[in-house]
């Protein structure tokens, strides 16, 4: 009887461990998706700023000539 209880507790422990790992993986995937979206947004803003700087530089070069 003791051996059977031991295996039940061990099984329940592994189920709890798997559930904890699953929750952690889901949370990490969500965080990863949010981070990827933020990186894409920052890249887009950087490209827009670069384009604006080039336009200003182009206007200043044209006005100097």
N, C-alpha and C. Protein backbone atom coordinates (compact mmCIF):
# COMPACT_ATOMS: atom_id res chain seq x y z
N UNK A 1 0.81 -1.19 0.00
CA UNK A 1 0.00 0.00 0.00
C UNK A 1 0.86 1.26 0.00
N UNK A 2 1.96 1.26 0.73
CA UNK A 2 2.84 2.41 0.78
C UNK A 2 3.44 2.73 -0.59
N UNK A 3 3.82 1.68 -1.29
CA UNK A 3 4.44 1.89 -2.61
C UNK A 3 3.44 2.54 -3.56
N UNK A 4 2.20 2.12 -3.49
CA UNK A 4 1.17 2.68 -4.36
C UNK A 4 0.98 4.18 -4.06
N UNK A 5 0.92 4.54 -2.81
CA UNK A 5 0.78 5.95 -2.43
C UNK A 5 1.98 6.76 -2.90
N UNK A 6 3.16 6.18 -2.79
CA UNK A 6 4.38 6.86 -3.23
C UNK A 6 4.30 7.20 -4.72
N UNK A 7 3.87 6.24 -5.51
CA UNK A 7 3.78 6.47 -6.96
C UNK A 7 2.69 7.48 -7.30
N UNK A 8 1.61 7.48 -6.53
CA UNK A 8 0.55 8.46 -6.76
C UNK A 8 1.07 9.87 -6.47
N UNK A 9 1.77 10.03 -5.34
CA UNK A 9 2.33 11.34 -5.00
C UNK A 9 3.38 11.78 -6.01
N UNK A 10 4.18 10.84 -6.46
CA UNK A 10 5.19 11.16 -7.46
C UNK A 10 4.53 11.59 -8.76
N UNK A 11 3.49 10.87 -9.16
CA UNK A 11 2.76 11.22 -10.37
C UNK A 11 2.14 12.62 -10.24
N UNK A 12 1.52 12.90 -9.10
CA UNK A 12 0.91 14.21 -8.88
C UNK A 12 1.97 15.32 -8.88
N UNK A 13 3.14 15.03 -8.31
CA UNK A 13 4.23 15.99 -8.32
C UNK A 13 4.64 16.32 -9.76
N UNK A 14 4.79 15.31 -10.60
CA UNK A 14 5.18 15.55 -11.99
C UNK A 14 4.09 16.28 -12.77
N UNK A 15 2.83 15.99 -12.46
CA UNK A 15 1.74 16.73 -13.10
C UNK A 15 1.81 18.21 -12.72
N UNK A 16 2.05 18.48 -11.45
CA UNK A 16 2.17 19.86 -11.00
C UNK A 16 3.37 20.55 -11.65
N UNK A 17 4.47 19.84 -11.75
CA UNK A 17 5.66 20.37 -12.40
C UNK A 17 5.39 20.69 -13.87
N UNK A 18 4.73 19.77 -14.56
CA UNK A 18 4.41 20.00 -15.97
C UNK A 18 3.46 21.20 -16.13
N UNK A 19 2.50 21.33 -15.25
CA UNK A 19 1.57 22.46 -15.32
C UNK A 19 2.31 23.77 -15.10
N UNK A 20 3.22 23.78 -14.15
CA UNK A 20 4.01 24.98 -13.87
C UNK A 20 4.87 25.34 -15.08
N UNK A 21 5.49 24.35 -15.68
CA UNK A 21 6.31 24.60 -16.86
C UNK A 21 5.46 25.10 -18.02
N UNK A 22 4.29 24.52 -18.18
CA UNK A 22 3.39 24.95 -19.25
C UNK A 22 2.98 26.41 -19.06
N UNK A 23 2.62 26.77 -17.84
CA UNK A 23 2.25 28.16 -17.55
C UNK A 23 3.41 29.11 -17.83
N UNK A 24 4.61 28.70 -17.44
CA UNK A 24 5.78 29.54 -17.68
C UNK A 24 6.04 29.72 -19.17
N UNK A 25 5.92 28.66 -19.93
CA UNK A 25 6.14 28.73 -21.38
C UNK A 25 5.09 29.63 -22.04
N UNK A 26 3.85 29.52 -21.62
CA UNK A 26 2.80 30.37 -22.18
C UNK A 26 3.10 31.84 -21.87
N UNK A 27 3.51 32.12 -20.64
CA UNK A 27 3.84 33.49 -20.26
C UNK A 27 5.03 34.01 -21.07
N UNK A 28 6.04 33.18 -21.26
CA UNK A 28 7.22 33.59 -22.04
C UNK A 28 6.86 33.83 -23.50
N UNK A 29 5.99 33.01 -24.06
CA UNK A 29 5.56 33.21 -25.45
C UNK A 29 4.82 34.54 -25.60
N UNK A 30 3.97 34.84 -24.63
CA UNK A 30 3.24 36.11 -24.66
C UNK A 30 4.21 37.28 -24.58
N UNK A 31 5.14 37.20 -23.64
CA UNK A 31 6.14 38.26 -23.49
C UNK A 31 6.97 38.40 -24.76
N UNK A 32 7.32 37.28 -25.36
CA UNK A 32 8.11 37.30 -26.60
C UNK A 32 7.33 37.99 -27.72
N UNK A 33 6.07 37.66 -27.85
CA UNK A 33 5.25 38.28 -28.90
C UNK A 33 5.15 39.79 -28.70
N UNK A 34 4.95 40.21 -27.46
CA UNK A 34 4.87 41.65 -27.17
C UNK A 34 6.20 42.32 -27.49
N UNK A 35 7.30 41.68 -27.13
CA UNK A 35 8.62 42.25 -27.39
C UNK A 35 8.88 42.36 -28.88
N UNK A 36 8.53 41.34 -29.64
CA UNK A 36 8.71 41.37 -31.10
C UNK A 36 7.90 42.52 -31.71
N UNK A 37 6.67 42.71 -31.22
CA UNK A 37 5.84 43.80 -31.73
C UNK A 37 6.46 45.16 -31.41
N UNK A 38 6.98 45.31 -30.20
CA UNK A 38 7.62 46.58 -29.82
C UNK A 38 8.86 46.84 -30.66
N UNK A 39 9.65 45.81 -30.93
CA UNK A 39 10.84 45.97 -31.76
C UNK A 39 10.44 46.42 -33.16
N UNK A 40 9.41 45.81 -33.71
CA UNK A 40 8.95 46.19 -35.05
C UNK A 40 8.48 47.64 -35.07
N UNK A 41 7.78 48.06 -34.02
CA UNK A 41 7.32 49.44 -33.94
C UNK A 41 8.50 50.41 -33.85
N UNK A 42 9.49 50.07 -33.04
CA UNK A 42 10.67 50.94 -32.91
C UNK A 42 11.46 51.00 -34.22
N UNK A 43 11.54 49.90 -34.94
CA UNK A 43 12.23 49.90 -36.23
C UNK A 43 11.50 50.82 -37.21
N UNK A 44 10.16 50.72 -37.21
CA UNK A 44 9.37 51.57 -38.11
C UNK A 44 9.58 53.04 -37.78
N UNK A 45 9.57 53.38 -36.50
CA UNK A 45 9.79 54.77 -36.09
C UNK A 45 11.19 55.24 -36.47
N UNK A 46 12.18 54.36 -36.33
CA UNK A 46 13.56 54.71 -36.68
C UNK A 46 13.67 54.99 -38.18
N UNK A 47 13.02 54.18 -38.98
CA UNK A 47 13.03 54.40 -40.43
C UNK A 47 12.37 55.73 -40.77
N UNK A 48 11.25 56.03 -40.12
CA UNK A 48 10.58 57.31 -40.37
C UNK A 48 11.47 58.48 -39.98
N UNK A 49 12.13 58.37 -38.83
CA UNK A 49 13.03 59.45 -38.40
C UNK A 49 14.20 59.60 -39.36
N UNK A 50 14.77 58.49 -39.82
CA UNK A 50 15.87 58.55 -40.78
C UNK A 50 15.41 59.26 -42.06
N UNK A 51 14.20 58.94 -42.50
CA UNK A 51 13.68 59.55 -43.71
C UNK A 51 13.51 61.06 -43.51
N UNK A 52 13.00 61.46 -42.35
CA UNK A 52 12.83 62.90 -42.07
C UNK A 52 14.17 63.62 -42.03
N UNK A 53 15.19 62.98 -41.42
CA UNK A 53 16.52 63.59 -41.35
C UNK A 53 17.09 63.75 -42.76
N UNK A 54 16.93 62.73 -43.58
CA UNK A 54 17.43 62.83 -44.96
C UNK A 54 16.73 63.95 -45.73
N UNK A 55 15.42 64.12 -45.51
CA UNK A 55 14.70 65.20 -46.17
C UNK A 55 15.23 66.56 -45.73
N UNK A 56 15.48 66.72 -44.44
CA UNK A 56 16.01 67.98 -43.92
C UNK A 56 17.40 68.23 -44.48
N UNK A 57 18.23 67.19 -44.51
CA UNK A 57 19.58 67.35 -45.06
C UNK A 57 19.52 67.71 -46.54
N UNK A 58 18.60 67.11 -47.26
CA UNK A 58 18.46 67.38 -48.68
C UNK A 58 18.03 68.83 -48.89
N UNK A 59 17.10 69.30 -48.10
CA UNK A 59 16.64 70.69 -48.23
C UNK A 59 17.76 71.65 -47.87
N UNK A 60 18.54 71.34 -46.86
CA UNK A 60 19.62 72.24 -46.46
C UNK A 60 20.73 72.26 -47.52
N UNK A 61 20.99 71.13 -48.16
CA UNK A 61 21.98 71.09 -49.23
C UNK A 61 21.50 71.88 -50.43
N UNK A 62 20.23 71.74 -50.75
CA UNK A 62 19.68 72.46 -51.90
C UNK A 62 19.68 73.98 -51.64
N UNK A 63 19.33 74.37 -50.42
CA UNK A 63 19.28 75.81 -50.11
C UNK A 63 20.67 76.42 -50.03
N UNK A 64 21.70 75.62 -49.75
CA UNK A 64 23.06 76.14 -49.71
C UNK A 64 23.59 76.40 -51.12
N UNK A 65 23.06 75.69 -52.09
CA UNK A 65 23.57 75.84 -53.47
C UNK A 65 22.91 76.97 -54.12
